Amino acid sequence: METSENRRHKREEIIKVMGCTIYQQSNQPIEFDCVSTNISQSGIGLLTTTALKKGQDIKLINDIFPYPRTATVRWSKEYNGLYYSYGVEFIEQLRVTPQ
């Protein structure tokens, strides 16, 4: 089966363990580990044993980022209920400069 890649930015393979945080409706943080598989300017591929929902926001913490990054789950794939693969898109954070 042939697939087409319609990506804005080139992906680079990067295997790193990072901390992830999601927030439930109660606003309580849930922290877990995930592993990055690839990265681009606009997003990152992740593997984890934690189930996430499409459209869910996730905070990523690792030494490859100069500060924690927030991203939105764009797609997911489940592997026998044991682990999940996700494509997440970074949310640009506004920078406010003093006037």
PDB file of N, CA and C in Angstrom:
ATOM      1  N   MET A   1       0.841  -1.166   0.000  1.00  0.00           N
ATOM      2  CA  MET A   1       0.000   0.000   0.000  1.00  0.00           C
ATOM      3  C   MET A   1       0.892   1.237   0.000  1.00  0.00           C
ATOM      4  N   GLU A   2       0.554   2.184  -0.851  1.00  0.00           N
ATOM      5  CA  GLU A   2       1.337   3.396  -0.986  1.00  0.00           C
ATOM      6  C   GLU A   2       0.691   4.509  -0.176  1.00  0.00           C
ATOM      7  N   THR A   3       1.506   5.270   0.557  1.00  0.00           N
ATOM      8  CA  THR A   3       0.980   6.395   1.318  1.00  0.00           C
ATOM      9  C   THR A   3       1.678   7.658   0.870  1.00  0.00           C
ATOM     10  N   SER A   4       0.978   8.762   0.947  1.00  0.00           N
ATOM     11  CA  SER A   4       1.595  10.034   0.588  1.00  0.00           C
ATOM     12  C   SER A   4       1.845  10.833   1.854  1.00  0.00           C
ATOM     13  N   GLU A   5       2.928  11.546   1.872  1.00  0.00           N
ATOM     14  CA  GLU A   5       3.296  12.375   3.000  1.00  0.00           C
ATOM     15  C   GLU A   5       3.008  13.826   2.649  1.00  0.00           C
ATOM     16  N   ASN A   6       2.047  14.423   3.314  1.00  0.00           N
ATOM     17  CA  ASN A   6       1.707  15.822   3.101  1.00  0.00           C
ATOM     18  C   ASN A   6       2.091  16.615   4.342  1.00  0.00           C
ATOM     19  N   ARG A   7       3.339  16.690   4.621  1.00  0.00           N
ATOM     20  CA  ARG A   7       3.816  17.367   5.822  1.00  0.00           C
ATOM     21  C   ARG A   7       4.437  18.705   5.467  1.00  0.00           C
ATOM     22  N   ARG A   8       4.249  19.654   6.377  1.00  0.00           N
ATOM     23  CA  ARG A   8       4.818  20.991   6.164  1.00  0.00           C
ATOM     24  C   ARG A   8       6.317  21.016   6.405  1.00  0.00           C
ATOM     25  N   HIS A   9       6.789  20.179   7.334  1.00  0.00           N
ATOM     26  CA  HIS A   9       8.197  20.193   7.716  1.00  0.00           C
ATOM     27  C   HIS A   9       8.774  18.779   7.700  1.00  0.00           C
ATOM     28  N   LYS A  10      10.039  18.698   7.376  1.00  0.00           N
ATOM     29  CA  LYS A  10      10.745  17.419   7.340  1.00  0.00           C
ATOM     30  C   LYS A  10      10.882  16.857   8.758  1.00  0.00           C
ATOM     31  N   ARG A  11      10.638  15.547   8.881  1.00  0.00           N
ATOM     32  CA  ARG A  11      10.789  14.878  10.166  1.00  0.00           C
ATOM     33  C   ARG A  11      12.190  14.306  10.306  1.00  0.00           C
ATOM     34  N   GLU A  12      12.699  14.326  11.545  1.00  0.00           N
ATOM     35  CA  GLU A  12      13.972  13.698  11.874  1.00  0.00           C
ATOM     36  C   GLU A  12      13.724  12.652  12.949  1.00  0.00           C
ATOM     37  N   GLU A  13      14.349  11.489  12.789  1.00  0.00           N
ATOM     38  CA  GLU A  13      14.217  10.439  13.795  1.00  0.00           C
ATOM     39  C   GLU A  13      14.933  10.874  15.064  1.00  0.00           C
ATOM     40  N   ILE A  14      14.246  10.730  16.186  1.00  0.00           N
ATOM     41  CA  ILE A  14      14.847  11.037  17.488  1.00  0.00           C
ATOM     42  C   ILE A  14      14.163  10.150  18.524  1.00  0.00           C
ATOM     43  N   ILE A  15      14.952   9.344  19.205  1.00  0.00           N
ATOM     44  CA  ILE A  15      14.426   8.435  20.219  1.00  0.00           C
ATOM     45  C   ILE A  15      14.849   8.980  21.580  1.00  0.00           C
ATOM     46  N   LYS A  16      13.872   9.499  22.319  1.00  0.00           N
ATOM     47  CA  LYS A  16      14.145  10.095  23.631  1.00  0.00           C
ATOM     48  C   LYS A  16      12.972   9.829  24.552  1.00  0.00           C
ATOM     49  N   VAL A  17      13.259   9.523  25.802  1.00  0.00           N
ATOM     50  CA  VAL A  17      12.210   9.416  26.815  1.00  0.00           C
ATOM     51  C   VAL A  17      11.921  10.824  27.309  1.00  0.00           C
ATOM     52  N   MET A  18      10.634  11.135  27.442  1.00  0.00           N
ATOM     53  CA  MET A  18      10.272  12.460  27.953  1.00  0.00           C
ATOM     54  C   MET A  18       9.096  12.350  28.896  1.00  0.00           C
ATOM     55  N   GLY A  19       8.948  13.358  29.715  1.00  0.00           N
ATOM     56  CA  GLY A  19       7.816  13.429  30.614  1.00  0.00           C
ATOM     57  C   GLY A  19       6.618  14.034  29.900  1.00  0.00           C
ATOM     58  N   CYS A  20       5.444  13.482  30.162  1.00  0.00           N
ATOM     59  CA  CYS A  20       4.209  13.969  29.558  1.00  0.00           C
ATOM     60  C   CYS A  20       3.209  14.229  30.667  1.00  0.00           C
ATOM     61  N   THR A  21       2.380  15.242  30.469  1.00  0.00           N
ATOM     62  CA  THR A  21       1.335  15.571  31.430  1.00  0.00           C
ATOM     63  C   THR A  21       0.053  15.876  30.679  1.00  0.00           C
ATOM     64  N   ILE A  22      -1.046  15.303  31.156  1.00  0.00           N
ATOM     65  CA  ILE A  22      -2.373  15.659  30.653  1.00  0.00           C
ATOM     66  C   ILE A  22      -3.204  16.086  31.855  1.00  0.00           C
ATOM     67  N   TYR A  23      -4.287  16.801  31.589  1.00  0.00           N
ATOM     68  CA  TYR A  23      -5.174  17.256  32.656  1.00  0.00           C
ATOM     69  C   TYR A  23      -6.563  16.695  32.416  1.00  0.00           C
ATOM     70  N   GLN A  24      -7.148  16.125  33.459  1.00  0.00           N
ATOM     71  CA  GLN A  24      -8.499  15.591  33.382  1.00  0.00           C
ATOM     72  C   GLN A  24      -9.497  16.709  33.658  1.00  0.00           C
ATOM     73  N   GLN A  25     -10.784  16.410  33.569  1.00  0.00           N
ATOM     74  CA  GLN A  25     -11.821  17.401  33.816  1.00  0.00           C
ATOM     75  C   GLN A  25     -11.710  18.025  35.203  1.00  0.00           C
ATOM     76  N   SER A  26     -11.196  17.283  36.152  1.00  0.00           N
ATOM     77  CA  SER A  26     -11.027  17.802  37.511  1.00  0.00           C
ATOM     78  C   SER A  26      -9.826  18.735  37.607  1.00  0.00           C
ATOM     79  N   ASN A  27      -9.146  18.945  36.481  1.00  0.00           N
ATOM     80  CA  ASN A  27      -7.947  19.783  36.399  1.00  0.00           C
ATOM     81  C   ASN A  27      -6.758  19.185  37.155  1.00  0.00           C
ATOM     82  N   GLN A  28      -6.844  17.910  37.505  1.00  0.00           N
ATOM     83  CA  GLN A  28      -5.746  17.226  38.169  1.00  0.00           C
ATOM     84  C   GLN A  28      -4.764  16.709  37.120  1.00  0.00           C
ATOM     85  N   PRO A  29      -3.456  16.980  37.288  1.00  0.00           N
ATOM     86  CA  PRO A  29      -2.490  16.501  36.300  1.00  0.00           C
ATOM     87  C   PRO A  29      -2.258  15.003  36.408  1.00  0.00           C
ATOM     88  N   ILE A  30      -2.100  14.363  35.266  1.00  0.00           N
ATOM     89  CA  ILE A  30      -1.700  12.959  35.198  1.00  0.00           C
ATOM     90  C   ILE A  30      -0.371  12.946  34.461  1.00  0.00           C
ATOM     91  N   GLU A  31       0.673  12.479  35.125  1.00  0.00           N
ATOM     92  CA  GLU A  31       2.014  12.461  34.550  1.00  0.00           C
ATOM     93  C   GLU A  31       2.393  11.040  34.170  1.00  0.00           C
ATOM     94  N   PHE A  32       3.086  10.891  33.039  1.00  0.00           N
ATOM     95  CA  PHE A  32       3.531   9.590  32.569  1.00  0.00           C
ATOM     96  C   PHE A  32       4.703   9.801  31.615  1.00  0.00           C
ATOM     97  N   ASP A  33       5.395   8.724  31.312  1.00  0.00           N
ATOM     98  CA  ASP A  33       6.520   8.784  30.372  1.00  0.00           C
ATOM     99  C   ASP A  33       6.047   8.425  28.970  1.00  0.00           C
ATOM    100  N   CYS A  34       6.684   9.014  27.993  1.00  0.00           N
ATOM    101  CA  CYS A  34       6.460   8.645  26.602  1.00  0.00           C
ATOM    102  C   CYS A  34       7.818   8.671  25.905  1.00  0.00           C
ATOM    103  N   VAL A  35       7.875   8.101  24.723  1.00  0.00           N
ATOM    104  CA  VAL A  35       9.111   8.052  23.945  1.00  0.00           C
ATOM    105  C   VAL A  35       8.866   8.730  22.611  1.00  0.00           C
ATOM    106  N   SER A  36       9.724   9.671  22.258  1.00  0.00           N
ATOM    107  CA  SER A  36       9.596  10.312  20.951  1.00  0.00           C
ATOM    108  C   SER A  36      10.173   9.386  19.889  1.00  0.00           C
ATOM    109  N   THR A  37       9.574   9.407  18.703  1.00  0.00           N
ATOM    110  CA  THR A  37      10.069   8.596  17.590  1.00  0.00           C
ATOM    111  C   THR A  37      10.610   9.467  16.461  1.00  0.00           C
ATOM    112  N   ASN A  38      10.014  10.643  16.299  1.00  0.00           N
ATOM    113  CA  ASN A  38      10.488  11.590  15.286  1.00  0.00           C
ATOM    114  C   ASN A  38      10.002  12.975  15.667  1.00  0.00           C
ATOM    115  N   ILE A  39      10.636  13.990  15.074  1.00  0.00           N
ATOM    116  CA  ILE A  39      10.286  15.366  15.408  1.00  0.00           C
ATOM    117  C   ILE A  39      10.445  16.245  14.177  1.00  0.00           C
ATOM    118  N   SER A  40       9.638  17.283  14.114  1.00  0.00           N
ATOM    119  CA  SER A  40       9.770  18.307  13.078  1.00  0.00           C
ATOM    120  C   SER A  40       9.485  19.656  13.741  1.00  0.00           C
ATOM    121  N   GLN A  41       9.528  20.715  12.980  1.00  0.00           N
ATOM    122  CA  GLN A  41       9.217  22.028  13.539  1.00  0.00           C
ATOM    123  C   GLN A  41       7.785  22.115  14.023  1.00  0.00           C
ATOM    124  N   SER A  42       6.888  21.340  13.417  1.00  0.00           N
ATOM    125  CA  SER A  42       5.475  21.481  13.737  1.00  0.00           C
ATOM    126  C   SER A  42       4.905  20.376  14.628  1.00  0.00           C
ATOM    127  N   GLY A  43       5.658  19.298  14.876  1.00  0.00           N
ATOM    128  CA  GLY A  43       5.099  18.239  15.701  1.00  0.00           C
ATOM    129  C   GLY A  43       6.088  17.151  16.051  1.00  0.00           C
ATOM    130  N   ILE A  44       5.571  16.123  16.715  1.00  0.00           N
ATOM    131  CA  ILE A  44       6.422  15.031  17.201  1.00  0.00           C
ATOM    132  C   ILE A  44       5.612  13.734  17.211  1.00  0.00           C
ATOM    133  N   GLY A  45       6.281  12.620  16.958  1.00  0.00           N
ATOM    134  CA  GLY A  45       5.680  11.297  17.067  1.00  0.00           C
ATOM    135  C   GLY A  45       6.007  10.719  18.427  1.00  0.00           C
ATOM    136  N   LEU A  46       5.020  10.090  19.070  1.00  0.00           N
ATOM    137  CA  LEU A  46       5.205   9.561  20.416  1.00  0.00           C
ATOM    138  C   LEU A  46       4.720   8.123  20.527  1.00  0.00           C
ATOM    139  N   LEU A  47       5.337   7.373  21.434  1.00  0.00           N
ATOM    140  CA  LEU A  47       4.874   6.042  21.848  1.00  0.00           C
ATOM    141  C   LEU A  47       4.660   6.094  23.357  1.00  0.00           C
ATOM    142  N   THR A  48       3.568   5.489  23.831  1.00  0.00           N
ATOM    143  CA  THR A  48       3.298   5.434  25.266  1.00  0.00           C
ATOM    144  C   THR A  48       2.288   4.327  25.559  1.00  0.00           C
ATOM    145  N   THR A  49       2.197   3.955  26.819  1.00  0.00           N
ATOM    146  CA  THR A  49       1.185   2.978  27.230  1.00  0.00           C
ATOM    147  C   THR A  49      -0.080   3.669  27.728  1.00  0.00           C
ATOM    148  N   THR A  50      -0.090   4.982  27.719  1.00  0.00           N
ATOM    149  CA  THR A  50      -1.236   5.768  28.179  1.00  0.00           C
ATOM    150  C   THR A  50      -2.140   6.117  27.000  1.00  0.00           C
ATOM    151  N   ALA A  51      -3.436   5.847  27.146  1.00  0.00           N
ATOM    152  CA  ALA A  51      -4.395   6.158  26.083  1.00  0.00           C
ATOM    153  C   ALA A  51      -4.718   7.649  26.099  1.00  0.00           C
ATOM    154  N   LEU A  52      -4.671   8.269  24.922  1.00  0.00           N
ATOM    155  CA  LEU A  52      -5.019   9.676  24.751  1.00  0.00           C
ATOM    156  C   LEU A  52      -6.117   9.782  23.705  1.00  0.00           C
ATOM    157  N   LYS A  53      -6.814  10.911  23.688  1.00  0.00           N
ATOM    158  CA  LYS A  53      -7.895  11.126  22.731  1.00  0.00           C
ATOM    159  C   LYS A  53      -7.463  12.128  21.664  1.00  0.00           C
ATOM    160  N   LYS A  54      -7.975  11.939  20.465  1.00  0.00           N
ATOM    161  CA  LYS A  54      -7.735  12.895  19.396  1.00  0.00           C
ATOM    162  C   LYS A  54      -8.246  14.257  19.846  1.00  0.00           C
ATOM    163  N   GLY A  55      -7.437  15.291  19.648  1.00  0.00           N
ATOM    164  CA  GLY A  55      -7.797  16.637  20.062  1.00  0.00           C
ATOM    165  C   GLY A  55      -7.373  16.995  21.475  1.00  0.00           C
ATOM    166  N   GLN A  56      -6.877  16.004  22.227  1.00  0.00           N
ATOM    167  CA  GLN A  56      -6.447  16.239  23.604  1.00  0.00           C
ATOM    168  C   GLN A  56      -5.105  16.966  23.616  1.00  0.00           C
ATOM    169  N   ASP A  57      -4.946  17.914  24.539  1.00  0.00           N
ATOM    170  CA  ASP A  57      -3.673  18.618  24.692  1.00  0.00           C
ATOM    171  C   ASP A  57      -2.785  17.857  25.661  1.00  0.00           C
ATOM    172  N   ILE A  58      -1.484  17.920  25.410  1.00  0.00           N
ATOM    173  CA  ILE A  58      -0.487  17.227  26.219  1.00  0.00           C
ATOM    174  C   ILE A  58       0.719  18.145  26.387  1.00  0.00           C
ATOM    175  N   LYS A  59       1.287  18.172  27.595  1.00  0.00           N
ATOM    176  CA  LYS A  59       2.488  18.965  27.861  1.00  0.00           C
ATOM    177  C   LYS A  59       3.687  18.028  27.827  1.00  0.00           C
ATOM    178  N   LEU A  60       4.733  18.418  27.086  1.00  0.00           N
ATOM    179  CA  LEU A  60       5.932  17.597  26.900  1.00  0.00           C
ATOM    180  C   LEU A  60       7.135  18.283  27.537  1.00  0.00           C
ATOM    181  N   ILE A  61       7.893  17.509  28.317  1.00  0.00           N
ATOM    182  CA  ILE A  61       9.074  18.050  28.982  1.00  0.00           C
ATOM    183  C   ILE A  61      10.267  17.161  28.668  1.00  0.00           C
ATOM    184  N   ASN A  62      11.327  17.763  28.106  1.00  0.00           N
ATOM    185  CA  ASN A  62      12.545  17.024  27.770  1.00  0.00           C
ATOM    186  C   ASN A  62      13.655  18.016  27.487  1.00  0.00           C
ATOM    187  N   ASP A  63      14.878  17.546  27.530  1.00  0.00           N
ATOM    188  CA  ASP A  63      16.010  18.444  27.283  1.00  0.00           C
ATOM    189  C   ASP A  63      16.162  18.836  25.815  1.00  0.00           C
ATOM    190  N   ILE A  64      15.351  18.283  24.916  1.00  0.00           N
ATOM    191  CA  ILE A  64      15.429  18.712  23.517  1.00  0.00           C
ATOM    192  C   ILE A  64      14.655  20.018  23.297  1.00  0.00           C
ATOM    193  N   PHE A  65      13.812  20.403  24.259  1.00  0.00           N
ATOM    194  CA  PHE A  65      13.069  21.660  24.181  1.00  0.00           C
ATOM    195  C   PHE A  65      13.674  22.656  25.164  1.00  0.00           C
ATOM    196  N   PRO A  66      13.740  23.928  24.800  1.00  0.00           N
ATOM    197  CA  PRO A  66      14.256  24.919  25.751  1.00  0.00           C
ATOM    198  C   PRO A  66      13.267  25.218  26.875  1.00  0.00           C
ATOM    199  N   TYR A  67      12.008  24.829  26.700  1.00  0.00           N
ATOM    200  CA  TYR A  67      10.960  25.021  27.694  1.00  0.00           C
ATOM    201  C   TYR A  67       9.889  23.960  27.434  1.00  0.00           C
ATOM    202  N   PRO A  68       9.017  23.667  28.414  1.00  0.00           N
ATOM    203  CA  PRO A  68       7.954  22.679  28.168  1.00  0.00           C
ATOM    204  C   PRO A  68       7.115  23.094  26.962  1.00  0.00           C
ATOM    205  N   ARG A  69       6.757  22.127  26.132  1.00  0.00           N
ATOM    206  CA  ARG A  69       5.950  22.389  24.933  1.00  0.00           C
ATOM    207  C   ARG A  69       4.579  21.755  25.094  1.00  0.00           C
ATOM    208  N   THR A  70       3.575  22.443  24.604  1.00  0.00           N
ATOM    209  CA  THR A  70       2.222  21.913  24.594  1.00  0.00           C
ATOM    210  C   THR A  70       1.885  21.509  23.170  1.00  0.00           C
ATOM    211  N   ALA A  71       1.221  20.370  23.027  1.00  0.00           N
ATOM    212  CA  ALA A  71       0.877  19.849  21.708  1.00  0.00           C
ATOM    213  C   ALA A  71      -0.527  19.254  21.759  1.00  0.00           C
ATOM    214  N   THR A  72      -1.120  19.089  20.584  1.00  0.00           N
ATOM    215  CA  THR A  72      -2.459  18.512  20.459  1.00  0.00           C
ATOM    216  C   THR A  72      -2.374  17.195  19.705  1.00  0.00           C
ATOM    217  N   VAL A  73      -3.031  16.159  20.220  1.00  0.00           N
ATOM    218  CA  VAL A  73      -3.057  14.855  19.563  1.00  0.00           C
ATOM    219  C   VAL A  73      -3.847  14.985  18.252  1.00  0.00           C
ATOM    220  N   ARG A  74      -3.208  14.632  17.124  1.00  0.00           N
ATOM    221  CA  ARG A  74      -3.857  14.716  15.814  1.00  0.00           C
ATOM    222  C   ARG A  74      -4.288  13.349  15.295  1.00  0.00           C
ATOM    223  N   TRP A  75      -3.543  12.298  15.628  1.00  0.00           N
ATOM    224  CA  TRP A  75      -3.922  10.943  15.222  1.00  0.00           C
ATOM    225  C   TRP A  75      -3.340   9.955  16.214  1.00  0.00           C
ATOM    226  N   SER A  76      -3.914   8.745  16.212  1.00  0.00           N
ATOM    227  CA  SER A  76      -3.416   7.703  17.115  1.00  0.00           C
ATOM    228  C   SER A  76      -3.588   6.340  16.479  1.00  0.00           C
ATOM    229  N   LYS A  77      -2.803   5.402  16.973  1.00  0.00           N
ATOM    230  CA  LYS A  77      -2.909   4.008  16.553  1.00  0.00           C
ATOM    231  C   LYS A  77      -2.637   3.143  17.777  1.00  0.00           C
ATOM    232  N   GLU A  78      -3.521   2.180  18.005  1.00  0.00           N
ATOM    233  CA  GLU A  78      -3.384   1.273  19.142  1.00  0.00           C
ATOM    234  C   GLU A  78      -2.741  -0.027  18.684  1.00  0.00           C
ATOM    235  N   TYR A  79      -1.846  -0.568  19.517  1.00  0.00           N
ATOM    236  CA  TYR A  79      -1.166  -1.827  19.224  1.00  0.00           C
ATOM    237  C   TYR A  79      -1.549  -2.857  20.288  1.00  0.00           C
ATOM    238  N   ASN A  80      -2.586  -3.655  19.981  1.00  0.00           N
ATOM    239  CA  ASN A  80      -3.051  -4.752  20.851  1.00  0.00           C
ATOM    240  C   ASN A  80      -3.348  -4.307  22.276  1.00  0.00           C
ATOM    241  N   GLY A  81      -3.716  -3.052  22.467  1.00  0.00           N
ATOM    242  CA  GLY A  81      -4.028  -2.561  23.810  1.00  0.00           C
ATOM    243  C   GLY A  81      -2.829  -2.467  24.726  1.00  0.00           C
ATOM    244  N   LEU A  82      -1.630  -2.682  24.185  1.00  0.00           N
ATOM    245  CA  LEU A  82      -0.414  -2.644  24.997  1.00  0.00           C
ATOM    246  C   LEU A  82       0.262  -1.278  24.975  1.00  0.00           C
ATOM    247  N   TYR A  83       0.270  -0.645  23.802  1.00  0.00           N
ATOM    248  CA  TYR A  83       0.848   0.685  23.698  1.00  0.00           C
ATOM    249  C   TYR A  83       0.209   1.413  22.522  1.00  0.00           C
ATOM    250  N   TYR A  84       0.479   2.697  22.456  1.00  0.00           N
ATOM    251  CA  TYR A  84      -0.152   3.561  21.466  1.00  0.00           C
ATOM    252  C   TYR A  84       0.907   4.416  20.768  1.00  0.00           C
ATOM    253  N   SER A  85       0.646   4.713  19.523  1.00  0.00           N
ATOM    254  CA  SER A  85       1.478   5.616  18.738  1.00  0.00           C
ATOM    255  C   SER A  85       0.642   6.859  18.454  1.00  0.00           C
ATOM    256  N   TYR A  86       1.246   8.029  18.634  1.00  0.00           N
ATOM    257  CA  TYR A  86       0.527   9.289  18.436  1.00  0.00           C
ATOM    258  C   TYR A  86       1.314  10.237  17.562  1.00  0.00           C
ATOM    259  N   GLY A  87       0.597  10.996  16.783  1.00  0.00           N
ATOM    260  CA  GLY A  87       1.150  12.142  16.081  1.00  0.00           C
ATOM    261  C   GLY A  87       0.563  13.367  16.743  1.00  0.00           C
ATOM    262  N   VAL A  88       1.419  14.232  17.267  1.00  0.00           N
ATOM    263  CA  VAL A  88       0.932  15.433  17.948  1.00  0.00           C
ATOM    264  C   VAL A  88       1.522  16.676  17.284  1.00  0.00           C
ATOM    265  N   GLU A  89       0.725  17.728  17.272  1.00  0.00           N
ATOM    266  CA  GLU A  89       1.125  18.987  16.655  1.00  0.00           C
ATOM    267  C   GLU A  89       1.382  20.015  17.755  1.00  0.00           C
ATOM    268  N   PHE A  90       2.548  20.671  17.683  1.00  0.00           N
ATOM    269  CA  PHE A  90       2.878  21.683  18.677  1.00  0.00           C
ATOM    270  C   PHE A  90       1.904  22.852  18.605  1.00  0.00           C
ATOM    271  N   ILE A  91       1.591  23.394  19.777  1.00  0.00           N
ATOM    272  CA  ILE A  91       0.788  24.609  19.881  1.00  0.00           C
ATOM    273  C   ILE A  91       1.785  25.743  20.093  1.00  0.00           C
ATOM    274  N   GLU A  92       1.752  26.712  19.213  1.00  0.00           N
ATOM    275  CA  GLU A  92       2.661  27.844  19.363  1.00  0.00           C
ATOM    276  C   GLU A  92       2.255  28.658  20.576  1.00  0.00           C
ATOM    277  N   GLN A  93       3.229  29.008  21.394  1.00  0.00           N
ATOM    278  CA  GLN A  93       2.961  29.819  22.555  1.00  0.00           C
ATOM    279  C   GLN A  93       3.270  31.267  22.230  1.00  0.00           C
ATOM    280  N   LEU A  94       2.368  32.150  22.621  1.00  0.00           N
ATOM    281  CA  LEU A  94       2.577  33.568  22.365  1.00  0.00           C
ATOM    282  C   LEU A  94       3.679  34.103  23.265  1.00  0.00           C
ATOM    283  N   ARG A  95       4.522  34.911  22.687  1.00  0.00           N
ATOM    284  CA  ARG A  95       5.587  35.564  23.457  1.00  0.00           C
ATOM    285  C   ARG A  95       5.190  37.014  23.650  1.00  0.00           C
ATOM    286  N   VAL A  96       5.101  37.438  24.883  1.00  0.00           N
ATOM    287  CA  VAL A  96       4.748  38.830  25.167  1.00  0.00           C
ATOM    288  C   VAL A  96       6.030  39.574  25.508  1.00  0.00           C
ATOM    289  N   THR A  97       6.263  40.656  24.788  1.00  0.00           N
ATOM    290  CA  THR A  97       7.466  41.467  25.058  1.00  0.00           C
ATOM    291  C   THR A  97       7.070  42.729  25.793  1.00  0.00           C
ATOM    292  N   PRO A  98       7.856  43.123  26.797  1.00  0.00           N
ATOM    293  CA  PRO A  98       7.534  44.334  27.558  1.00  0.00           C
ATOM    294  C   PRO A  98       7.578  45.570  26.652  1.00  0.00           C
ATOM    295  N   GLN A  99       6.681  46.537  26.915  1.00  0.00           N
ATOM    296  CA  GLN A  99       6.674  47.758  26.116  1.00  0.00           C
ATOM    297  C   GLN A  99       7.347  48.893  26.814  1.00  0.00           C
TER     298      GLN A  99
END
